[in-house]
Every structure is written in C-alpha cells, then in structure tokens.
Amino acid sequence: MAGAADLDVAYVARLARINLSEEETNAFQQQLGNVLNYVEKLRQADVSHAETTAHALPIFNVFREDEARDWFTAEQALSNAPRKSKDLFIVPKVVE
C-alpha cells in the first residue's frame, strides 16, 4: 500500500485541475496520511472469523401487494406537458 508520502497531493490536484494553495496542499497531505494510516490499521484486523457479506445488516426483498389505486387521469398527467398528442407525451427522438 502506498504511504501518504508516496502520493503527491499537489500533483493529483494539478491532474484534476484543482487550484490548491500551499496551505491546503499541506492540510490535505496530512489528512491523506491519516486516512492511509487508518486503512493500514484496518488491514491488520483479524477478520478470519467474520462471515463474508454484502451488507452489514440482513436485507430481504420486501414486496407490497399490487393493488389498483386512484392515480392521475391522463388529462391531469399531461396538463403541464410542453408537447402532447392523443393522450401521450411527445419527447425528442433519442434512437435512430
């Protein structure tokens, strides 16, 4: 893993076309060093007993019943449309 000294914040800022003052560059270099040190500390944690997961909490698909409801009428839905025809929205063609 690259240390904070290996990553030149001023160089990266130039690549990103971000103008940083010398004070900001030094502050960000220090903050980056702190983040990388913390990541290194996390890498040392023993996670061999932890189960691999995609989320911290169990997530289940929750579906509601598909019930008919009163929604807008076509006239209400189209009331602010800039272009419409025969109860349809007219939109620019995007596929040829």
C-alpha atoms as a PDB file:
ATOM      1  CA  MET A   1       0.000   0.000   0.000  1.00  0.00           C
ATOM      2  CA  ALA A   2       1.319   3.447  -0.858  1.00  0.00           C
ATOM      3  CA  GLY A   3       2.037   5.691   2.078  1.00  0.00           C
ATOM      4  CA  ALA A   4       0.962   9.318   2.288  1.00  0.00           C
ATOM      5  CA  ALA A   5       4.499  10.349   1.342  1.00  0.00           C
ATOM      6  CA  ASP A   6       4.182   8.308  -1.879  1.00  0.00           C
ATOM      7  CA  LEU A   7       1.152  10.279  -3.079  1.00  0.00           C
ATOM      8  CA  ASP A   8       1.820  13.873  -4.061  1.00  0.00           C
ATOM      9  CA  VAL A   9      -1.378  15.821  -3.365  1.00  0.00           C
ATOM     10  CA  ALA A  10      -0.179  18.825  -5.383  1.00  0.00           C
ATOM     11  CA  TYR A  11       0.432  16.567  -8.421  1.00  0.00           C
ATOM     12  CA  VAL A  12      -3.002  14.968  -8.131  1.00  0.00           C
ATOM     13  CA  ALA A  13      -4.599  18.405  -7.731  1.00  0.00           C
ATOM     14  CA  ARG A  14      -2.913  19.553 -10.947  1.00  0.00           C
ATOM     15  CA  LEU A  15      -4.194  16.455 -12.768  1.00  0.00           C
ATOM     16  CA  ALA A  16      -7.694  17.204 -11.504  1.00  0.00           C
ATOM     17  CA  ARG A  17      -7.272  20.882 -12.436  1.00  0.00           C
ATOM     18  CA  ILE A  18      -7.908  21.945  -8.852  1.00  0.00           C
ATOM     19  CA  ASN A  19      -6.039  25.001  -7.675  1.00  0.00           C
ATOM     20  CA  LEU A  20      -4.890  24.435  -4.102  1.00  0.00           C
ATOM     21  CA  SER A  21      -2.929  26.858  -2.007  1.00  0.00           C
ATOM     22  CA  GLU A  22       0.221  25.580  -0.327  1.00  0.00           C
ATOM     23  CA  GLU A  23      -1.648  25.592   2.985  1.00  0.00           C
ATOM     24  CA  GLU A  24      -4.488  23.483   1.516  1.00  0.00           C
ATOM     25  CA  THR A  25      -1.992  21.101  -0.091  1.00  0.00           C
ATOM     26  CA  ASN A  26      -0.224  20.564   3.234  1.00  0.00           C
ATOM     27  CA  ALA A  27      -3.532  20.081   5.071  1.00  0.00           C
ATOM     28  CA  PHE A  28      -4.780  17.557   2.512  1.00  0.00           C
ATOM     29  CA  GLN A  29      -1.437  15.721   2.551  1.00  0.00           C
ATOM     30  CA  GLN A  30      -1.755  15.395   6.342  1.00  0.00           C
ATOM     31  CA  GLN A  31      -5.384  14.241   6.089  1.00  0.00           C
ATOM     32  CA  LEU A  32      -4.494  11.727   3.403  1.00  0.00           C
ATOM     33  CA  GLY A  33      -1.717  10.399   5.614  1.00  0.00           C
ATOM     34  CA  ASN A  34      -4.207   9.971   8.458  1.00  0.00           C
ATOM     35  CA  VAL A  35      -6.643   8.101   6.202  1.00  0.00           C
ATOM     36  CA  LEU A  36      -3.941   5.792   4.852  1.00  0.00           C
ATOM     37  CA  ASN A  37      -2.644   5.081   8.360  1.00  0.00           C
ATOM     38  CA  TYR A  38      -6.183   4.185   9.454  1.00  0.00           C
ATOM     39  CA  VAL A  39      -6.649   1.907   6.431  1.00  0.00           C
ATOM     40  CA  GLU A  40      -3.399   0.155   7.315  1.00  0.00           C
ATOM     41  CA  LYS A  41      -4.671  -0.316  10.870  1.00  0.00           C
ATOM     42  CA  LEU A  42      -7.901  -1.828   9.493  1.00  0.00           C
ATOM     43  CA  ARG A  43      -5.905  -4.210   7.294  1.00  0.00           C
ATOM     44  CA  GLN A  44      -4.284  -5.613  10.443  1.00  0.00           C
ATOM     45  CA  ALA A  45      -7.635  -6.559  11.989  1.00  0.00           C
ATOM     46  CA  ASP A  46      -8.301 -10.306  12.228  1.00  0.00           C
ATOM     47  CA  VAL A  47     -11.439 -10.920  10.184  1.00  0.00           C
ATOM     48  CA  SER A  48     -10.883 -14.639   9.593  1.00  0.00           C
ATOM     49  CA  HIS A  49     -13.866 -15.483  11.805  1.00  0.00           C
ATOM     50  CA  ALA A  50     -16.209 -12.983  10.109  1.00  0.00           C
ATOM     51  CA  GLU A  51     -18.704 -14.244   7.566  1.00  0.00           C
ATOM     52  CA  THR A  52     -18.481 -12.637   4.141  1.00  0.00           C
ATOM     53  CA  THR A  53     -21.451 -10.363   3.490  1.00  0.00           C
ATOM     54  CA  ALA A  54     -22.561  -7.744   1.003  1.00  0.00           C
ATOM     55  CA  HIS A  55     -24.291  -5.622   3.668  1.00  0.00           C
ATOM     56  CA  ALA A  56     -23.791  -5.005   7.359  1.00  0.00           C
ATOM     57  CA  LEU A  57     -27.417  -5.909   8.049  1.00  0.00           C
ATOM     58  CA  PRO A  58     -29.515  -8.688   6.545  1.00  0.00           C
ATOM     59  CA  ILE A  59     -31.551  -7.353   3.629  1.00  0.00           C
ATOM     60  CA  PHE A  60     -34.591  -9.123   2.243  1.00  0.00           C
ATOM     61  CA  ASN A  61     -36.772  -8.281  -0.721  1.00  0.00           C
ATOM     62  CA  VAL A  62     -39.968  -6.739   0.535  1.00  0.00           C
ATOM     63  CA  PHE A  63     -42.776  -6.545  -1.950  1.00  0.00           C
ATOM     64  CA  ARG A  64     -46.111  -4.875  -1.451  1.00  0.00           C
ATOM     65  CA  GLU A  65     -49.296  -6.211  -2.907  1.00  0.00           C
ATOM     66  CA  ASP A  66     -50.005  -4.892  -6.372  1.00  0.00           C
ATOM     67  CA  GLU A  67     -53.295  -3.132  -5.807  1.00  0.00           C
ATOM     68  CA  ALA A  68     -55.183  -0.816  -8.111  1.00  0.00           C
ATOM     69  CA  ARG A  69     -55.224   2.773  -6.867  1.00  0.00           C
ATOM     70  CA  ASP A  70     -56.666   6.065  -7.985  1.00  0.00           C
ATOM     71  CA  TRP A  71     -53.943   7.978  -9.799  1.00  0.00           C
ATOM     72  CA  PHE A  72     -53.876  10.919 -12.137  1.00  0.00           C
ATOM     73  CA  THR A  73     -56.095  10.872 -15.143  1.00  0.00           C
ATOM     74  CA  ALA A  74     -54.323  11.152 -18.483  1.00  0.00           C
ATOM     75  CA  GLU A  75     -55.584  14.730 -18.747  1.00  0.00           C
ATOM     76  CA  GLN A  76     -54.141  15.633 -15.322  1.00  0.00           C
ATOM     77  CA  ALA A  77     -50.806  13.973 -16.076  1.00  0.00           C
ATOM     78  CA  LEU A  78     -50.491  15.817 -19.387  1.00  0.00           C
ATOM     79  CA  SER A  79     -51.710  19.177 -18.069  1.00  0.00           C
ATOM     80  CA  ASN A  80     -48.161  20.651 -17.813  1.00  0.00           C
ATOM     81  CA  ALA A  81     -46.559  18.740 -20.678  1.00  0.00           C
ATOM     82  CA  PRO A  82     -44.785  21.062 -23.128  1.00  0.00           C
ATOM     83  CA  ARG A  83     -45.764  18.765 -26.046  1.00  0.00           C
ATOM     84  CA  LYS A  84     -48.542  16.189 -26.183  1.00  0.00           C
ATOM     85  CA  SER A  85     -50.702  14.387 -28.696  1.00  0.00           C
ATOM     86  CA  LYS A  86     -53.567  11.910 -28.286  1.00  0.00           C
ATOM     87  CA  ASP A  87     -53.057  11.494 -24.511  1.00  0.00           C
ATOM     88  CA  LEU A  88     -49.304  10.875 -24.970  1.00  0.00           C
ATOM     89  CA  PHE A  89     -46.185  12.838 -24.072  1.00  0.00           C
ATOM     90  CA  ILE A  90     -44.178  13.935 -27.137  1.00  0.00           C
ATOM     91  CA  VAL A  91     -40.437  13.650 -26.452  1.00  0.00           C
ATOM     92  CA  PRO A  92     -37.333  14.114 -28.624  1.00  0.00           C
ATOM     93  CA  LYS A  93     -36.240  11.079 -30.604  1.00  0.00           C
ATOM     94  CA  VAL A  94     -33.121   9.557 -28.987  1.00  0.00           C
ATOM     95  CA  VAL A  95     -32.671   6.367 -31.022  1.00  0.00           C
ATOM     96  CA  GLU A  96     -32.412   6.157 -34.775  1.00  0.00           C
END
